[in-house]
Amino acid sequence: MTAGIDTPDRRGRTGLDRHGQDLTGNPQVRILDVEVLSCDWYVLRRSTFDYQHSDGHWSREQRETYDRGDGATILLYDADRRTVLLTRQFRLPAYVNGHPDGMLLETAAGLLDGDSPEEAIRREAAEETGHTVGAAERVFDVYMSPGSVTERLHFFAAPYTPATATGGGIAAEGEDISTVELPFDRALAMIRDGSIADAKTIMLLQWAALDGPFAP
């Protein structure tokens, strides 16, 4: 008996080896086997499939996919004061891959955990920034690292003011998060000098400059 396949894993999941087995949307792809390599908190799978190339020949391929669930992120902005509200937190993967201290400036974000994207991002905004978000504008949905990670991230934006503050976010699951309010022009400059190096944050700041609340 294997946890995550025959018996529940630590998150109560079974049948994790069946994910992707029944896909039929692309006739050039035939899924043959899915092997669960790890199912601790997230799931690492190795899939074997036949792939038909553009010249018609078939080849057998193997790919590993990392499934951490889908997520949502939000840019909080004050158009009148031309500011944005970001978070700062430690990110071990960035730290071990060259970031000086692993402390990244980011837009508030989190996994959906069974909620709709809109519900999830209101929850995460309150937990991480201490602000209650009303109606959020949906910006776009993006596969952030499609070569290996299954996650689709839902991007939102919403205004914040002193009146939306409900008193500070909460720490959960070992998180230690602080908020950082920045002038919007300073935030853009920090992209250029590398002080902001988080992809989702860069994408939302550039959207805000081109098509969002700070567009010409």
N, C-alpha and C. Protein backbone atom coordinates (compact mmCIF):
# COMPACT_ATOMS: atom_id res chain seq x y z
N MET A 1 0.85 -1.19 0.00
CA MET A 1 0.00 0.00 0.00
C MET A 1 0.89 1.24 0.00
N THR A 2 0.57 2.18 -0.88
CA THR A 2 1.40 3.37 -1.04
C THR A 2 0.59 4.61 -0.73
N ALA A 3 1.12 5.45 0.17
CA ALA A 3 0.42 6.69 0.51
C ALA A 3 0.29 7.58 -0.72
N GLY A 4 -0.91 8.14 -0.88
CA GLY A 4 -1.18 8.99 -2.02
C GLY A 4 -1.70 8.24 -3.23
N ILE A 5 -1.57 6.93 -3.20
CA ILE A 5 -2.06 6.11 -4.31
C ILE A 5 -3.17 5.19 -3.81
N ASP A 6 -2.82 4.25 -2.91
CA ASP A 6 -3.82 3.32 -2.37
C ASP A 6 -4.41 3.80 -1.05
N THR A 7 -3.60 4.49 -0.27
CA THR A 7 -4.04 5.00 1.03
C THR A 7 -3.83 6.51 1.08
N PRO A 8 -4.58 7.21 1.93
CA PRO A 8 -4.45 8.67 1.98
C PRO A 8 -3.04 9.11 2.42
N ASP A 9 -2.54 10.17 1.77
CA ASP A 9 -1.28 10.76 2.21
C ASP A 9 -1.58 11.75 3.32
N ARG A 10 -0.59 12.56 3.71
CA ARG A 10 -0.77 13.46 4.85
C ARG A 10 -1.83 14.53 4.60
N ARG A 11 -2.21 14.75 3.34
CA ARG A 11 -3.27 15.70 3.02
C ARG A 11 -4.57 14.99 2.63
N GLY A 12 -4.63 13.68 2.85
CA GLY A 12 -5.86 12.93 2.62
C GLY A 12 -6.11 12.56 1.17
N ARG A 13 -5.07 12.59 0.33
CA ARG A 13 -5.25 12.34 -1.10
C ARG A 13 -4.94 10.89 -1.46
N THR A 14 -5.70 10.36 -2.42
CA THR A 14 -5.41 9.06 -3.03
C THR A 14 -5.52 9.21 -4.54
N GLY A 15 -5.07 8.20 -5.26
CA GLY A 15 -5.18 8.21 -6.71
C GLY A 15 -4.32 9.24 -7.39
N LEU A 16 -3.24 9.66 -6.76
CA LEU A 16 -2.40 10.70 -7.34
C LEU A 16 -1.69 10.23 -8.62
N ASP A 17 -1.62 8.93 -8.82
CA ASP A 17 -0.98 8.41 -10.03
C ASP A 17 -1.92 8.43 -11.23
N ARG A 18 -3.17 8.79 -11.03
CA ARG A 18 -4.12 8.84 -12.15
C ARG A 18 -4.20 10.21 -12.80
N HIS A 19 -3.56 11.20 -12.19
CA HIS A 19 -3.64 12.57 -12.71
C HIS A 19 -3.00 12.65 -14.09
N GLY A 20 -3.77 13.07 -15.08
CA GLY A 20 -3.27 13.20 -16.45
C GLY A 20 -3.45 11.98 -17.31
N GLN A 21 -3.87 10.86 -16.71
CA GLN A 21 -4.00 9.63 -17.48
C GLN A 21 -5.10 9.69 -18.53
N ASP A 22 -6.13 10.49 -18.29
CA ASP A 22 -7.30 10.49 -19.17
C ASP A 22 -7.34 11.69 -20.11
N LEU A 23 -6.23 12.38 -20.30
CA LEU A 23 -6.22 13.55 -21.17
C LEU A 23 -6.36 13.14 -22.63
N THR A 24 -7.27 13.83 -23.35
CA THR A 24 -7.52 13.52 -24.77
C THR A 24 -7.53 14.77 -25.64
N GLY A 25 -7.15 15.92 -25.11
CA GLY A 25 -7.26 17.17 -25.85
C GLY A 25 -6.26 17.34 -26.98
N ASN A 26 -5.16 16.60 -26.93
CA ASN A 26 -4.13 16.73 -27.96
C ASN A 26 -3.87 15.36 -28.57
N PRO A 27 -4.30 15.12 -29.84
CA PRO A 27 -4.12 13.80 -30.45
C PRO A 27 -2.66 13.44 -30.70
N GLN A 28 -1.77 14.41 -30.56
CA GLN A 28 -0.34 14.13 -30.75
C GLN A 28 0.33 13.65 -29.46
N VAL A 29 -0.46 13.53 -28.38
CA VAL A 29 0.09 13.10 -27.09
C VAL A 29 -0.72 11.92 -26.57
N ARG A 30 -0.02 10.83 -26.24
CA ARG A 30 -0.66 9.65 -25.65
C ARG A 30 0.03 9.35 -24.32
N ILE A 31 -0.68 9.61 -23.23
CA ILE A 31 -0.13 9.36 -21.90
C ILE A 31 -0.13 7.85 -21.64
N LEU A 32 1.03 7.31 -21.30
CA LEU A 32 1.17 5.88 -21.09
C LEU A 32 1.23 5.50 -19.62
N ASP A 33 1.91 6.31 -18.82
CA ASP A 33 2.10 5.95 -17.42
C ASP A 33 2.38 7.20 -16.61
N VAL A 34 1.90 7.22 -15.38
CA VAL A 34 2.18 8.31 -14.44
C VAL A 34 2.67 7.68 -13.14
N GLU A 35 3.88 8.06 -12.72
CA GLU A 35 4.49 7.53 -11.50
C GLU A 35 4.64 8.66 -10.49
N VAL A 36 4.18 8.43 -9.27
CA VAL A 36 4.31 9.41 -8.20
C VAL A 36 5.68 9.22 -7.55
N LEU A 37 6.52 10.25 -7.65
CA LEU A 37 7.86 10.19 -7.06
C LEU A 37 7.87 10.70 -5.63
N SER A 38 6.99 11.67 -5.33
CA SER A 38 6.91 12.23 -3.98
C SER A 38 5.53 12.84 -3.79
N CYS A 39 4.96 12.65 -2.60
CA CYS A 39 3.66 13.26 -2.29
C CYS A 39 3.66 13.69 -0.83
N ASP A 40 4.65 14.51 -0.47
CA ASP A 40 4.71 15.02 0.88
C ASP A 40 3.64 16.09 1.04
N TRP A 41 3.98 17.37 0.79
CA TRP A 41 2.95 18.41 0.83
C TRP A 41 2.44 18.67 -0.59
N TYR A 42 3.38 18.75 -1.53
CA TYR A 42 3.04 18.86 -2.95
C TYR A 42 3.35 17.53 -3.62
N VAL A 43 3.15 17.44 -4.95
CA VAL A 43 3.25 16.15 -5.63
C VAL A 43 4.22 16.25 -6.80
N LEU A 44 5.20 15.35 -6.82
CA LEU A 44 6.13 15.24 -7.93
C LEU A 44 5.82 13.96 -8.68
N ARG A 45 5.54 14.10 -9.98
CA ARG A 45 5.20 12.94 -10.82
C ARG A 45 6.18 12.82 -11.99
N ARG A 46 6.34 11.58 -12.48
CA ARG A 46 7.06 11.35 -13.73
C ARG A 46 6.09 10.70 -14.70
N SER A 47 5.85 11.37 -15.81
CA SER A 47 4.90 10.88 -16.81
C SER A 47 5.65 10.37 -18.03
N THR A 48 5.22 9.22 -18.53
CA THR A 48 5.74 8.65 -19.77
C THR A 48 4.66 8.79 -20.83
N PHE A 49 5.02 9.31 -21.99
CA PHE A 49 4.03 9.54 -23.03
C PHE A 49 4.68 9.42 -24.41
N ASP A 50 3.85 9.10 -25.39
CA ASP A 50 4.28 9.13 -26.78
C ASP A 50 3.89 10.47 -27.38
N TYR A 51 4.80 11.05 -28.15
CA TYR A 51 4.57 12.38 -28.74
C TYR A 51 4.83 12.33 -30.24
N GLN A 52 3.86 12.83 -31.01
CA GLN A 52 4.00 12.89 -32.47
C GLN A 52 4.58 14.24 -32.88
N HIS A 53 5.74 14.22 -33.51
CA HIS A 53 6.41 15.45 -33.93
C HIS A 53 5.80 16.01 -35.20
N SER A 54 6.22 17.22 -35.56
CA SER A 54 5.63 17.91 -36.72
C SER A 54 5.88 17.17 -38.03
N ASP A 55 6.95 16.36 -38.09
CA ASP A 55 7.21 15.60 -39.31
C ASP A 55 6.48 14.26 -39.33
N GLY A 56 5.68 14.00 -38.31
CA GLY A 56 4.86 12.79 -38.27
C GLY A 56 5.41 11.65 -37.45
N HIS A 57 6.68 11.64 -37.13
CA HIS A 57 7.23 10.50 -36.38
C HIS A 57 6.89 10.62 -34.90
N TRP A 58 6.82 9.46 -34.26
CA TRP A 58 6.50 9.40 -32.83
C TRP A 58 7.77 9.10 -32.03
N SER A 59 7.84 9.68 -30.85
CA SER A 59 8.93 9.36 -29.92
C SER A 59 8.34 9.17 -28.53
N ARG A 60 9.04 8.36 -27.73
CA ARG A 60 8.62 8.15 -26.34
C ARG A 60 9.38 9.12 -25.44
N GLU A 61 8.64 9.86 -24.61
CA GLU A 61 9.22 10.92 -23.78
C GLU A 61 8.88 10.66 -22.31
N GLN A 62 9.71 11.24 -21.44
CA GLN A 62 9.43 11.26 -20.01
C GLN A 62 9.64 12.68 -19.50
N ARG A 63 8.72 13.15 -18.66
CA ARG A 63 8.85 14.46 -18.06
C ARG A 63 8.41 14.37 -16.59
N GLU A 64 9.07 15.16 -15.75
CA GLU A 64 8.66 15.30 -14.36
C GLU A 64 7.84 16.58 -14.21
N THR A 65 6.75 16.49 -13.47
CA THR A 65 5.91 17.66 -13.21
C THR A 65 5.75 17.83 -11.71
N TYR A 66 5.83 19.07 -11.29
CA TYR A 66 5.68 19.40 -9.87
C TYR A 66 4.35 20.09 -9.69
N ASP A 67 3.48 19.48 -8.89
CA ASP A 67 2.11 19.96 -8.72
C ASP A 67 1.95 20.52 -7.31
N ARG A 68 1.88 21.85 -7.22
CA ARG A 68 1.67 22.50 -5.91
C ARG A 68 0.28 23.13 -5.84
N GLY A 69 -0.57 22.85 -6.82
CA GLY A 69 -1.88 23.47 -6.87
C GLY A 69 -1.81 24.83 -7.57
N ASP A 70 -2.97 25.37 -7.90
CA ASP A 70 -3.04 26.69 -8.51
C ASP A 70 -3.06 27.77 -7.44
N GLY A 71 -2.72 29.00 -7.84
CA GLY A 71 -2.65 30.09 -6.88
C GLY A 71 -3.21 31.38 -7.44
N ALA A 72 -3.14 32.42 -6.62
CA ALA A 72 -3.61 33.74 -7.01
C ALA A 72 -2.70 34.79 -6.39
N THR A 73 -2.58 35.92 -7.05
CA THR A 73 -1.78 37.03 -6.55
C THR A 73 -2.50 38.34 -6.86
N ILE A 74 -2.18 39.38 -6.09
CA ILE A 74 -2.90 40.65 -6.25
C ILE A 74 -1.97 41.83 -6.03
N LEU A 75 -2.12 42.83 -6.88
CA LEU A 75 -1.44 44.11 -6.69
C LEU A 75 -2.39 45.07 -6.00
N LEU A 76 -2.03 45.50 -4.80
CA LEU A 76 -2.80 46.53 -4.10
C LEU A 76 -2.19 47.89 -4.42
N TYR A 77 -3.04 48.82 -4.85
CA TYR A 77 -2.54 50.12 -5.29
C TYR A 77 -3.42 51.24 -4.76
N ASP A 78 -2.81 52.40 -4.59
CA ASP A 78 -3.52 53.62 -4.24
C ASP A 78 -3.25 54.61 -5.36
N ALA A 79 -4.22 54.78 -6.25
CA ALA A 79 -4.01 55.60 -7.44
C ALA A 79 -3.85 57.08 -7.08
N ASP A 80 -4.53 57.53 -6.05
CA ASP A 80 -4.43 58.95 -5.67
C ASP A 80 -3.05 59.29 -5.14
N ARG A 81 -2.50 58.41 -4.31
CA ARG A 81 -1.18 58.67 -3.74
C ARG A 81 -0.05 58.07 -4.58
N ARG A 82 -0.41 57.33 -5.63
CA ARG A 82 0.55 56.67 -6.52
C ARG A 82 1.50 55.76 -5.73
N THR A 83 0.89 54.88 -4.95
CA THR A 83 1.66 53.92 -4.17
C THR A 83 1.15 52.50 -4.42
N VAL A 84 1.99 51.53 -4.09
CA VAL A 84 1.60 50.12 -4.11
C VAL A 84 1.99 49.51 -2.78
N LEU A 85 1.28 48.45 -2.39
CA LEU A 85 1.55 47.78 -1.13
C LEU A 85 2.04 46.37 -1.43
N LEU A 86 3.29 46.09 -1.09
CA LEU A 86 3.90 44.79 -1.33
C LEU A 86 4.20 44.10 -0.01
N THR A 87 4.63 42.86 -0.08
CA THR A 87 5.06 42.11 1.09
C THR A 87 6.55 41.81 0.97
N ARG A 88 7.16 41.53 2.12
CA ARG A 88 8.54 41.06 2.13
C ARG A 88 8.60 39.79 2.98
N GLN A 89 9.18 38.74 2.39
CA GLN A 89 9.32 37.49 3.14
C GLN A 89 10.50 36.69 2.62
N PHE A 90 10.94 35.74 3.45
CA PHE A 90 12.09 34.91 3.11
C PHE A 90 11.66 33.78 2.18
N ARG A 91 12.44 33.60 1.09
CA ARG A 91 12.18 32.54 0.13
C ARG A 91 13.44 31.69 0.00
N LEU A 92 13.42 30.49 0.57
CA LEU A 92 14.60 29.63 0.56
C LEU A 92 15.07 29.29 -0.86
N PRO A 93 14.18 28.92 -1.81
CA PRO A 93 14.69 28.60 -3.14
C PRO A 93 15.46 29.75 -3.79
N ALA A 94 15.00 30.98 -3.59
CA ALA A 94 15.74 32.12 -4.13
C ALA A 94 17.08 32.29 -3.42
N TYR A 95 17.08 32.05 -2.11
CA TYR A 95 18.30 32.21 -1.31
C TYR A 95 19.38 31.23 -1.75
N VAL A 96 19.00 29.97 -1.99
CA VAL A 96 19.99 28.97 -2.38
C VAL A 96 20.39 29.10 -3.85
N ASN A 97 19.70 29.95 -4.59
CA ASN A 97 20.03 30.13 -6.01
C ASN A 97 20.49 31.55 -6.31
N GLY A 98 21.22 32.14 -5.36
CA GLY A 98 21.93 33.36 -5.68
C GLY A 98 21.36 34.65 -5.15
N HIS A 99 20.15 34.66 -4.59
CA HIS A 99 19.64 35.90 -4.03
C HIS A 99 20.43 36.22 -2.75
N PRO A 100 20.83 37.47 -2.56
CA PRO A 100 21.73 37.78 -1.44
C PRO A 100 21.25 37.35 -0.07
N ASP A 101 19.97 37.59 0.24
CA ASP A 101 19.47 37.23 1.57
C ASP A 101 18.15 36.46 1.54
N GLY A 102 17.61 36.22 0.35
CA GLY A 102 16.36 35.47 0.24
C GLY A 102 15.12 36.24 0.61
N MET A 103 15.25 37.53 0.95
CA MET A 103 14.10 38.34 1.33
C MET A 103 13.55 39.03 0.08
N LEU A 104 12.42 38.54 -0.41
CA LEU A 104 11.86 39.04 -1.66
C LEU A 104 10.70 39.98 -1.42
N LEU A 105 10.66 41.06 -2.21
CA LEU A 105 9.50 41.94 -2.27
C LEU A 105 8.53 41.36 -3.28
N GLU A 106 7.27 41.18 -2.85
CA GLU A 106 6.29 40.50 -3.68
C GLU A 106 4.90 41.10 -3.52
N THR A 107 4.07 40.87 -4.52
CA THR A 107 2.64 41.08 -4.35
C THR A 107 2.09 39.95 -3.47
N ALA A 108 1.05 40.24 -2.72
CA ALA A 108 0.42 39.22 -1.88
C ALA A 108 -0.05 38.06 -2.76
N ALA A 109 0.13 36.83 -2.27
CA ALA A 109 -0.21 35.66 -3.08
C ALA A 109 -0.40 34.45 -2.19
N GLY A 110 -1.04 33.43 -2.74
CA GLY A 110 -1.20 32.18 -2.02
C GLY A 110 -1.91 31.15 -2.88
N LEU A 111 -1.93 29.92 -2.41
CA LEU A 111 -2.61 28.84 -3.13
C LEU A 111 -4.12 28.95 -2.95
N LEU A 112 -4.85 28.39 -3.92
CA LEU A 112 -6.31 28.46 -3.86
C LEU A 112 -6.87 27.59 -2.73
N ASP A 113 -6.28 26.43 -2.50
CA ASP A 113 -6.71 25.53 -1.43
C ASP A 113 -8.22 25.27 -1.47
N GLY A 114 -8.73 25.03 -2.68
CA GLY A 114 -10.14 24.68 -2.82
C GLY A 114 -11.09 25.85 -3.00
N ASP A 115 -10.62 27.07 -2.80
CA ASP A 115 -11.46 28.25 -2.99
C ASP A 115 -11.41 28.70 -4.45
N SER A 116 -12.33 29.56 -4.84
CA SER A 116 -12.24 30.19 -6.15
C SER A 116 -11.07 31.18 -6.12
N PRO A 117 -10.52 31.55 -7.28
CA PRO A 117 -9.43 32.52 -7.27
C PRO A 117 -9.78 33.81 -6.55
N GLU A 118 -11.02 34.32 -6.74
CA GLU A 118 -11.42 35.56 -6.09
C GLU A 118 -11.48 35.41 -4.58
N GLU A 119 -12.04 34.30 -4.12
CA GLU A 119 -12.10 34.06 -2.68
C GLU A 119 -10.70 33.91 -2.09
N ALA A 120 -9.86 33.17 -2.79
CA ALA A 120 -8.52 32.92 -2.29
C ALA A 120 -7.71 34.20 -2.18
N ILE A 121 -7.82 35.09 -3.17
CA ILE A 121 -6.96 36.28 -3.13
C ILE A 121 -7.47 37.28 -2.10
N ARG A 122 -8.76 37.32 -1.83
CA ARG A 122 -9.23 38.17 -0.73
C ARG A 122 -8.71 37.65 0.60
N ARG A 123 -8.70 36.33 0.75
CA ARG A 123 -8.17 35.72 1.97
C ARG A 123 -6.69 36.02 2.13
N GLU A 124 -5.92 35.85 1.06
CA GLU A 124 -4.48 36.07 1.15
C GLU A 124 -4.14 37.54 1.37
N ALA A 125 -4.88 38.43 0.74
CA ALA A 125 -4.63 39.85 0.95
C ALA A 125 -4.84 40.23 2.41
N ALA A 126 -5.91 39.71 3.01
CA ALA A 126 -6.18 40.01 4.41
C ALA A 126 -5.10 39.42 5.32
N GLU A 127 -4.69 38.18 5.03
CA GLU A 127 -3.71 37.51 5.88
C GLU A 127 -2.32 38.14 5.77
N GLU A 128 -1.94 38.52 4.54
CA GLU A 128 -0.57 38.98 4.34
C GLU A 128 -0.40 40.48 4.48
N THR A 129 -1.43 41.26 4.21
CA THR A 129 -1.28 42.72 4.25
C THR A 129 -2.15 43.39 5.30
N GLY A 130 -3.17 42.68 5.81
CA GLY A 130 -4.07 43.30 6.77
C GLY A 130 -5.08 44.22 6.14
N HIS A 131 -5.30 44.11 4.83
CA HIS A 131 -6.29 44.95 4.14
C HIS A 131 -7.42 44.08 3.61
N THR A 132 -8.64 44.56 3.76
CA THR A 132 -9.81 43.89 3.22
C THR A 132 -10.05 44.36 1.80
N VAL A 133 -10.01 43.42 0.87
CA VAL A 133 -10.17 43.72 -0.55
C VAL A 133 -11.62 43.54 -0.94
N GLY A 134 -12.18 44.52 -1.62
CA GLY A 134 -13.53 44.40 -2.15
C GLY A 134 -13.50 43.73 -3.51
N ALA A 135 -14.14 44.32 -4.49
CA ALA A 135 -14.13 43.77 -5.84
C ALA A 135 -12.72 43.90 -6.42
N ALA A 136 -12.16 42.79 -6.86
CA ALA A 136 -10.82 42.78 -7.44
C ALA A 136 -10.91 42.63 -8.95
N GLU A 137 -10.08 43.36 -9.65
CA GLU A 137 -10.04 43.28 -11.12
C GLU A 137 -9.18 42.09 -11.53
N ARG A 138 -9.75 41.22 -12.36
CA ARG A 138 -8.97 40.09 -12.86
C ARG A 138 -8.12 40.57 -14.02
N VAL A 139 -6.83 40.33 -13.94
CA VAL A 139 -5.90 40.86 -14.94
C VAL A 139 -5.58 39.81 -16.01
N PHE A 140 -5.06 38.66 -15.61
CA PHE A 140 -4.80 37.55 -16.52
C PHE A 140 -4.47 36.31 -15.71
N ASP A 141 -4.45 35.16 -16.39
CA ASP A 141 -4.06 33.88 -15.81
C ASP A 141 -2.82 33.39 -16.54
N VAL A 142 -1.82 32.91 -15.81
CA VAL A 142 -0.52 32.62 -16.41
C VAL A 142 0.03 31.31 -15.85
N TYR A 143 0.61 30.49 -16.74
CA TYR A 143 1.43 29.36 -16.32
C TYR A 143 2.83 29.91 -16.08
N MET A 144 3.29 29.86 -14.82
CA MET A 144 4.49 30.58 -14.45
C MET A 144 5.78 29.85 -14.84
N SER A 145 5.78 28.54 -14.84
CA SER A 145 6.98 27.77 -15.21
C SER A 145 6.53 26.48 -15.88
N PRO A 146 6.00 26.58 -17.12
CA PRO A 146 5.30 25.45 -17.73
C PRO A 146 6.19 24.28 -18.13
N GLY A 147 7.51 24.45 -18.05
CA GLY A 147 8.38 23.33 -18.37
C GLY A 147 8.41 22.26 -17.30
N SER A 148 8.04 22.62 -16.07
CA SER A 148 8.13 21.63 -15.00
C SER A 148 7.06 21.77 -13.92
N VAL A 149 6.45 22.94 -13.77
CA VAL A 149 5.49 23.19 -12.70
C VAL A 149 4.09 23.36 -13.30
N THR A 150 3.11 22.65 -12.73
CA THR A 150 1.76 22.68 -13.30
C THR A 150 0.98 23.94 -12.94
N GLU A 151 1.44 24.69 -11.96
CA GLU A 151 0.66 25.79 -11.40
C GLU A 151 0.21 26.82 -12.43
N ARG A 152 -1.07 27.18 -12.36
CA ARG A 152 -1.61 28.33 -13.07
C ARG A 152 -1.91 29.41 -12.04
N LEU A 153 -1.37 30.59 -12.26
CA LEU A 153 -1.51 31.68 -11.30
C LEU A 153 -2.50 32.70 -11.82
N HIS A 154 -3.48 33.06 -10.98
CA HIS A 154 -4.52 34.02 -11.33
C HIS A 154 -4.10 35.39 -10.79
N PHE A 155 -4.02 36.38 -11.67
CA PHE A 155 -3.53 37.71 -11.32
C PHE A 155 -4.70 38.67 -11.14
N PHE A 156 -4.64 39.46 -10.05
CA PHE A 156 -5.68 40.43 -9.74
C PHE A 156 -5.04 41.76 -9.36
N ALA A 157 -5.87 42.79 -9.34
CA ALA A 157 -5.47 44.09 -8.82
C ALA A 157 -6.68 44.71 -8.13
N ALA A 158 -6.40 45.51 -7.09
CA ALA A 158 -7.49 46.16 -6.36
C ALA A 158 -6.93 47.37 -5.63
N PRO A 159 -7.76 48.40 -5.44
CA PRO A 159 -7.30 49.56 -4.67
C PRO A 159 -7.27 49.27 -3.18
N TYR A 160 -6.39 49.99 -2.49
CA TYR A 160 -6.37 49.97 -1.04
C TYR A 160 -6.27 51.41 -0.55
N THR A 161 -6.76 51.64 0.64
CA THR A 161 -6.66 52.95 1.30
C THR A 161 -6.49 52.69 2.79
N PRO A 162 -6.20 53.70 3.58
CA PRO A 162 -6.16 53.49 5.03
C PRO A 162 -7.46 52.90 5.57
N ALA A 163 -8.57 53.18 4.89
CA ALA A 163 -9.87 52.69 5.37
C ALA A 163 -10.02 51.18 5.17
N THR A 164 -9.26 50.58 4.26
CA THR A 164 -9.38 49.14 4.03
C THR A 164 -8.54 48.32 5.00
N ALA A 165 -7.70 48.98 5.79
CA ALA A 165 -6.85 48.27 6.74
C ALA A 165 -7.69 47.71 7.88
N THR A 166 -7.47 46.45 8.19
CA THR A 166 -8.21 45.81 9.27
C THR A 166 -7.31 45.43 10.43
N GLY A 167 -6.06 45.83 10.35
CA GLY A 167 -5.19 45.62 11.50
C GLY A 167 -4.10 44.61 11.33
N GLY A 168 -3.47 44.46 10.24
CA GLY A 168 -2.29 43.60 10.16
C GLY A 168 -2.63 42.17 9.86
N GLY A 169 -1.77 41.55 9.03
CA GLY A 169 -1.99 40.18 8.63
C GLY A 169 -1.63 39.20 9.72
N ILE A 170 -1.87 37.94 9.44
CA ILE A 170 -1.57 36.89 10.40
C ILE A 170 -0.46 36.01 9.85
N ALA A 171 0.35 35.48 10.73
CA ALA A 171 1.39 34.54 10.32
C ALA A 171 0.81 33.14 10.37
N ALA A 172 1.07 32.36 9.33
CA ALA A 172 0.57 30.99 9.26
C ALA A 172 1.61 30.11 8.59
N GLU A 173 1.65 28.84 9.01
CA GLU A 173 2.52 27.85 8.40
C GLU A 173 3.98 28.32 8.37
N GLY A 174 4.42 28.98 9.43
CA GLY A 174 5.80 29.40 9.51
C GLY A 174 6.12 30.67 8.77
N GLU A 175 5.12 31.33 8.22
CA GLU A 175 5.37 32.55 7.47
C GLU A 175 5.68 33.71 8.41
N ASP A 176 6.61 34.55 7.99
CA ASP A 176 6.96 35.77 8.71
C ASP A 176 6.98 36.87 7.67
N ILE A 177 5.86 37.58 7.53
CA ILE A 177 5.65 38.49 6.42
C ILE A 177 5.47 39.91 6.93
N SER A 178 6.15 40.85 6.29
CA SER A 178 5.95 42.27 6.59
C SER A 178 5.46 42.96 5.33
N THR A 179 4.83 44.12 5.50
CA THR A 179 4.34 44.89 4.36
C THR A 179 5.27 46.06 4.09
N VAL A 180 5.35 46.41 2.81
CA VAL A 180 6.20 47.52 2.37
C VAL A 180 5.39 48.37 1.40
N GLU A 181 5.17 49.62 1.76
CA GLU A 181 4.48 50.55 0.86
C GLU A 181 5.53 51.34 0.09
N LEU A 182 5.36 51.39 -1.23
CA LEU A 182 6.34 52.06 -2.09
C LEU A 182 5.64 53.01 -3.04
N PRO A 183 6.28 54.16 -3.34
CA PRO A 183 5.81 54.96 -4.47
C PRO A 183 5.90 54.11 -5.73
N PHE A 184 4.91 54.23 -6.60
CA PHE A 184 4.88 53.37 -7.77
C PHE A 184 6.13 53.56 -8.64
N ASP A 185 6.56 54.79 -8.84
CA ASP A 185 7.74 55.02 -9.66
C ASP A 185 8.98 54.37 -9.04
N ARG A 186 9.06 54.37 -7.72
CA ARG A 186 10.18 53.71 -7.05
C ARG A 186 10.13 52.20 -7.28
N ALA A 187 8.94 51.63 -7.24
CA ALA A 187 8.80 50.19 -7.48
C ALA A 187 9.28 49.82 -8.88
N LEU A 188 8.94 50.64 -9.87
CA LEU A 188 9.42 50.38 -11.23
C LEU A 188 10.94 50.47 -11.29
N ALA A 189 11.50 51.45 -10.61
CA ALA A 189 12.96 51.59 -10.60
C ALA A 189 13.62 50.38 -9.94
N MET A 190 12.95 49.80 -8.97
CA MET A 190 13.51 48.64 -8.28
C MET A 190 13.50 47.39 -9.16
N ILE A 191 12.61 47.35 -10.15
CA ILE A 191 12.69 46.28 -11.15
C ILE A 191 13.98 46.44 -11.95
N ARG A 192 14.25 47.67 -12.35
CA ARG A 192 15.42 47.93 -13.20
C ARG A 192 16.72 47.64 -12.47
N ASP A 193 16.79 47.93 -11.18
CA ASP A 193 18.06 47.71 -10.47
C ASP A 193 18.13 46.35 -9.79
N GLY A 194 17.09 45.52 -9.96
CA GLY A 194 17.12 44.16 -9.43
C GLY A 194 16.63 44.02 -8.00
N SER A 195 16.21 45.11 -7.37
CA SER A 195 15.73 45.02 -5.99
C SER A 195 14.39 44.28 -5.91
N ILE A 196 13.60 44.35 -6.97
CA ILE A 196 12.40 43.52 -7.09
C ILE A 196 12.71 42.48 -8.16
N ALA A 197 12.74 41.21 -7.73
CA ALA A 197 13.17 40.13 -8.62
C ALA A 197 12.15 39.00 -8.70
N ASP A 198 10.94 39.24 -8.24
CA ASP A 198 9.88 38.23 -8.25
C ASP A 198 9.03 38.41 -9.51
N ALA A 199 8.85 37.32 -10.27
CA ALA A 199 8.22 37.42 -11.58
C ALA A 199 6.79 37.95 -11.52
N LYS A 200 5.97 37.40 -10.62
CA LYS A 200 4.57 37.82 -10.58
C LYS A 200 4.45 39.30 -10.23
N THR A 201 5.34 39.78 -9.36
CA THR A 201 5.32 41.18 -8.96
C THR A 201 5.72 42.08 -10.12
N ILE A 202 6.75 41.69 -10.84
CA ILE A 202 7.18 42.46 -12.01
C ILE A 202 6.07 42.52 -13.05
N MET A 203 5.40 41.41 -13.27
CA MET A 203 4.33 41.38 -14.27
C MET A 203 3.19 42.31 -13.90
N LEU A 204 2.80 42.31 -12.61
CA LEU A 204 1.69 43.18 -12.20
C LEU A 204 2.09 44.65 -12.19
N LEU A 205 3.32 44.95 -11.81
CA LEU A 205 3.77 46.35 -11.84
C LEU A 205 3.83 46.86 -13.29
N GLN A 206 4.32 46.04 -14.19
CA GLN A 206 4.38 46.47 -15.59
C GLN A 206 2.98 46.59 -16.18
N TRP A 207 2.07 45.69 -15.79
CA TRP A 207 0.67 45.85 -16.24
C TRP A 207 0.11 47.17 -15.73
N ALA A 208 0.37 47.50 -14.46
CA ALA A 208 -0.15 48.73 -13.88
C ALA A 208 0.37 49.95 -14.62
N ALA A 209 1.60 49.87 -15.12
CA ALA A 209 2.19 51.00 -15.84
C ALA A 209 1.65 51.10 -17.26
N LEU A 210 1.35 49.96 -17.88
CA LEU A 210 0.95 49.96 -19.28
C LEU A 210 -0.57 50.05 -19.48
N ASP A 211 -1.32 49.29 -18.70
CA ASP A 211 -2.77 49.18 -18.90
C ASP A 211 -3.58 49.41 -17.64
N GLY A 212 -2.95 49.50 -16.49
CA GLY A 212 -3.66 49.57 -15.23
C GLY A 212 -3.81 50.96 -14.68
N PRO A 213 -3.83 51.09 -13.38
CA PRO A 213 -4.17 52.38 -12.74
C PRO A 213 -3.15 53.48 -12.96
N PHE A 214 -1.92 53.13 -13.37
CA PHE A 214 -0.89 54.15 -13.57
C PHE A 214 -0.52 54.32 -15.04
N ALA A 215 -1.38 53.81 -15.92
CA ALA A 215 -1.13 53.95 -17.36
C ALA A 215 -1.23 55.41 -17.78
N PRO A 216 -0.48 55.81 -18.80
CA PRO A 216 -0.55 57.21 -19.25
C PRO A 216 -1.96 57.61 -19.67
